[in-house]
Amino acid sequence: MLRAACGSAAAWLRRGTCLEASMSTFGSHGRRGGQAGEAQLLGDPQPELVERYLSESLMNGEEKYKRRLHRVTESYQRHDQDTGSSEVQVARLSERIQTLSAHLQKFRKDVHGKRAIHVMLSQRTKLLKYMKRKDPEKYYTTIAKLGLKDRPFSEPKYPTKK
């Protein structure tokens, strides 16, 4: 009941106990303007219940996916605020590609999913080409960490003048 009232588990943590807030607003009788002190009826949250409530087994698929992406971002960051470096982008794209390819194994006729995976693969290829050109050392450490193969990138069909 608390989860339905508050939304997701992450939102519940951000807002604090939303039941306490609703109790202080509506009172115990469901009317606005309850007595002062009625919010204390709930008491302190028990840590083991909060931990069990926020466990991964109770999360929906979207929350699990966001948590996985957050872990990937943290493991490839250069500094605390880094979310846009090439390494982080390649790692996040790799995680998204793995998730979508698992989805496409179940739903083979998902044409939009197939197109999305092709777009992500080409974006990752472009980022890897950029990394190999600018900083080969980071390129090799990133592909080794992700378990990708070092494939030679084809030369452009029509070379540009420099």
Protein backbone atom coordinates (compact mmCIF):
# COMPACT_ATOMS: atom_id res chain seq x y z
CA MET A 1 0.00 0.00 0.00
CA LEU A 2 2.85 2.34 0.83
CA ARG A 3 4.51 1.65 -2.55
CA ALA A 4 1.28 2.45 -4.41
CA ALA A 5 0.89 5.69 -2.48
CA CYS A 6 4.47 6.82 -2.99
CA GLY A 7 5.35 5.50 -6.44
CA SER A 8 8.72 3.82 -6.95
CA ALA A 9 11.13 2.87 -4.20
CA ALA A 10 13.61 5.53 -5.28
CA ALA A 11 10.93 8.19 -5.09
CA TRP A 12 9.99 6.91 -1.64
CA LEU A 13 13.57 7.45 -0.46
CA ARG A 14 13.79 10.92 -1.97
CA ARG A 15 10.55 12.10 -0.41
CA GLY A 16 11.09 10.45 2.94
CA THR A 17 8.09 8.60 4.22
CA CYS A 18 5.26 9.92 2.09
CA LEU A 19 2.74 8.30 4.39
CA GLU A 20 3.90 10.56 7.20
CA ALA A 21 3.45 13.57 4.93
CA SER A 22 -0.04 12.51 3.92
CA MET A 23 -0.95 11.80 7.55
CA SER A 24 0.16 15.29 8.58
CA THR A 25 -1.82 16.83 5.72
CA PHE A 26 -5.02 14.83 5.97
CA GLY A 27 -4.91 13.57 9.54
CA SER A 28 -5.90 10.09 10.59
CA HIS A 29 -9.52 10.56 9.47
CA GLY A 30 -8.72 11.42 5.86
CA ARG A 31 -9.72 15.08 6.22
CA ARG A 32 -7.43 18.03 5.66
CA GLY A 33 -6.00 19.81 8.67
CA GLY A 34 -5.41 16.92 11.06
CA GLN A 35 -4.24 17.44 14.62
CA ALA A 36 -0.61 18.33 15.19
CA GLY A 37 1.41 15.32 16.22
CA GLU A 38 -0.65 12.72 14.34
CA ALA A 39 2.25 12.08 11.96
CA GLN A 40 4.26 10.59 14.84
CA LEU A 41 1.82 7.66 15.02
CA LEU A 42 3.94 5.77 12.50
CA GLY A 43 7.16 5.79 14.50
CA ASP A 44 10.65 5.38 13.14
CA PRO A 45 11.08 3.11 10.11
CA GLN A 46 12.70 -0.22 10.91
CA PRO A 47 15.96 -0.56 8.94
CA GLU A 48 15.51 -4.23 8.06
CA LEU A 49 12.02 -3.57 6.69
CA VAL A 50 13.24 -0.60 4.65
CA GLU A 51 16.12 -2.70 3.27
CA ARG A 52 13.77 -5.54 2.38
CA TYR A 53 11.29 -3.10 0.83
CA LEU A 54 14.00 -1.53 -1.34
CA SER A 55 15.60 -4.84 -2.35
CA GLU A 56 16.12 -5.64 -6.02
CA SER A 57 13.68 -8.52 -5.88
CA LEU A 58 10.79 -6.07 -5.44
CA MET A 59 11.94 -3.66 -8.16
CA ASN A 60 10.30 -3.57 -11.55
CA GLY A 61 12.35 -4.03 -14.71
CA GLU A 62 12.81 -0.32 -15.35
CA GLU A 63 14.24 0.32 -11.89
CA LYS A 64 16.64 -2.62 -12.25
CA TYR A 65 17.75 -1.32 -15.67
CA LYS A 66 18.36 2.18 -14.30
CA ARG A 67 20.38 0.74 -11.43
CA ARG A 68 22.52 -1.30 -13.86
CA LEU A 69 23.17 1.78 -16.01
CA HIS A 70 24.10 3.76 -12.90
CA ARG A 71 26.61 1.07 -11.85
CA VAL A 72 28.13 1.05 -15.34
CA THR A 73 28.42 4.83 -15.32
CA GLU A 74 30.11 4.80 -11.91
CA SER A 75 32.64 2.17 -12.96
CA TYR A 76 33.78 4.07 -16.10
CA GLN A 77 33.72 7.65 -14.77
CA ARG A 78 36.87 9.74 -14.79
CA HIS A 79 35.57 11.89 -11.91
CA ASP A 80 32.38 12.21 -9.83
CA GLN A 81 30.41 14.34 -12.27
CA ASP A 82 31.53 12.54 -15.44
CA THR A 83 28.61 11.25 -17.48
CA GLY A 84 29.65 12.29 -20.97
CA SER A 85 33.18 11.03 -21.54
CA SER A 86 33.68 8.62 -24.41
CA GLU A 87 34.38 5.69 -22.07
CA VAL A 88 31.12 6.22 -20.18
CA GLN A 89 29.14 6.63 -23.39
CA VAL A 90 30.56 3.44 -24.89
CA ALA A 91 29.94 1.48 -21.69
CA ARG A 92 26.34 2.71 -21.40
CA LEU A 93 25.69 1.95 -25.07
CA SER A 94 27.11 -1.55 -24.58
CA GLU A 95 24.76 -2.15 -21.65
CA ARG A 96 21.80 -0.87 -23.65
CA ILE A 97 22.77 -3.06 -26.61
CA GLN A 98 22.96 -6.15 -24.39
CA THR A 99 19.56 -5.41 -22.88
CA LEU A 100 17.94 -4.79 -26.25
CA SER A 101 19.51 -7.88 -27.82
CA ALA A 102 18.07 -9.99 -24.99
CA HIS A 103 14.69 -8.42 -25.73
CA LEU A 104 15.05 -9.15 -29.45
CA GLN A 105 15.79 -12.82 -28.75
CA LYS A 106 12.30 -13.08 -27.23
CA PHE A 107 10.52 -10.80 -29.68
CA ARG A 108 12.09 -11.48 -33.07
CA LYS A 109 9.57 -9.45 -35.04
CA ASP A 110 10.20 -6.19 -33.16
CA VAL A 111 11.25 -4.08 -36.14
CA HIS A 112 11.65 -0.86 -34.14
CA GLY A 113 13.91 -2.65 -31.68
CA LYS A 114 16.06 -3.95 -34.53
CA ARG A 115 16.41 -0.46 -35.92
CA ALA A 116 17.28 0.90 -32.47
CA ILE A 117 20.00 -1.69 -32.00
CA HIS A 118 21.52 -0.82 -35.40
CA VAL A 119 21.53 2.87 -34.45
CA MET A 120 23.21 2.11 -31.11
CA LEU A 121 25.79 -0.15 -32.75
CA SER A 122 26.73 2.51 -35.28
CA GLN A 123 26.93 5.16 -32.53
CA ARG A 124 29.20 2.91 -30.47
CA THR A 125 31.37 2.23 -33.53
CA LYS A 126 31.76 5.96 -34.14
CA LEU A 127 32.70 6.57 -30.51
CA LEU A 128 35.22 3.72 -30.57
CA LYS A 129 36.79 5.09 -33.80
CA TYR A 130 37.07 8.49 -32.13
CA MET A 131 38.66 6.97 -29.01
CA LYS A 132 41.14 4.95 -31.06
CA ARG A 133 42.14 8.04 -33.01
CA LYS A 134 42.42 10.43 -30.02
CA ASP A 135 43.60 8.22 -27.15
CA PRO A 136 44.54 4.64 -28.11
CA GLU A 137 45.48 3.69 -24.54
CA LYS A 138 41.99 4.46 -23.20
CA TYR A 139 40.50 2.73 -26.22
CA TYR A 140 42.33 -0.51 -25.53
CA THR A 141 41.59 -0.47 -21.78
CA THR A 142 37.90 0.24 -22.44
CA ILE A 143 37.40 -2.55 -24.97
CA ALA A 144 39.30 -4.97 -22.75
CA LYS A 145 37.10 -4.04 -19.77
CA LEU A 146 33.92 -4.39 -21.86
CA GLY A 147 35.04 -7.61 -23.53
CA LEU A 148 34.80 -6.21 -27.06
CA LYS A 149 37.03 -7.24 -29.95
CA ASP A 150 39.53 -4.87 -31.53
CA ARG A 151 38.36 -4.74 -35.11
CA PRO A 152 39.96 -2.62 -37.78
CA PHE A 153 37.68 0.15 -38.92
CA SER A 154 37.25 0.41 -42.66
CA GLU A 155 38.60 3.43 -44.46
CA PRO A 156 36.08 5.84 -45.92
CA LYS A 157 35.06 5.08 -49.49
CA TYR A 158 35.80 8.62 -50.61
CA PRO A 159 38.72 10.10 -48.67
CA THR A 160 38.42 13.74 -47.64
CA LYS A 161 41.06 16.35 -48.28
CA LYS A 162 43.01 17.55 -45.27
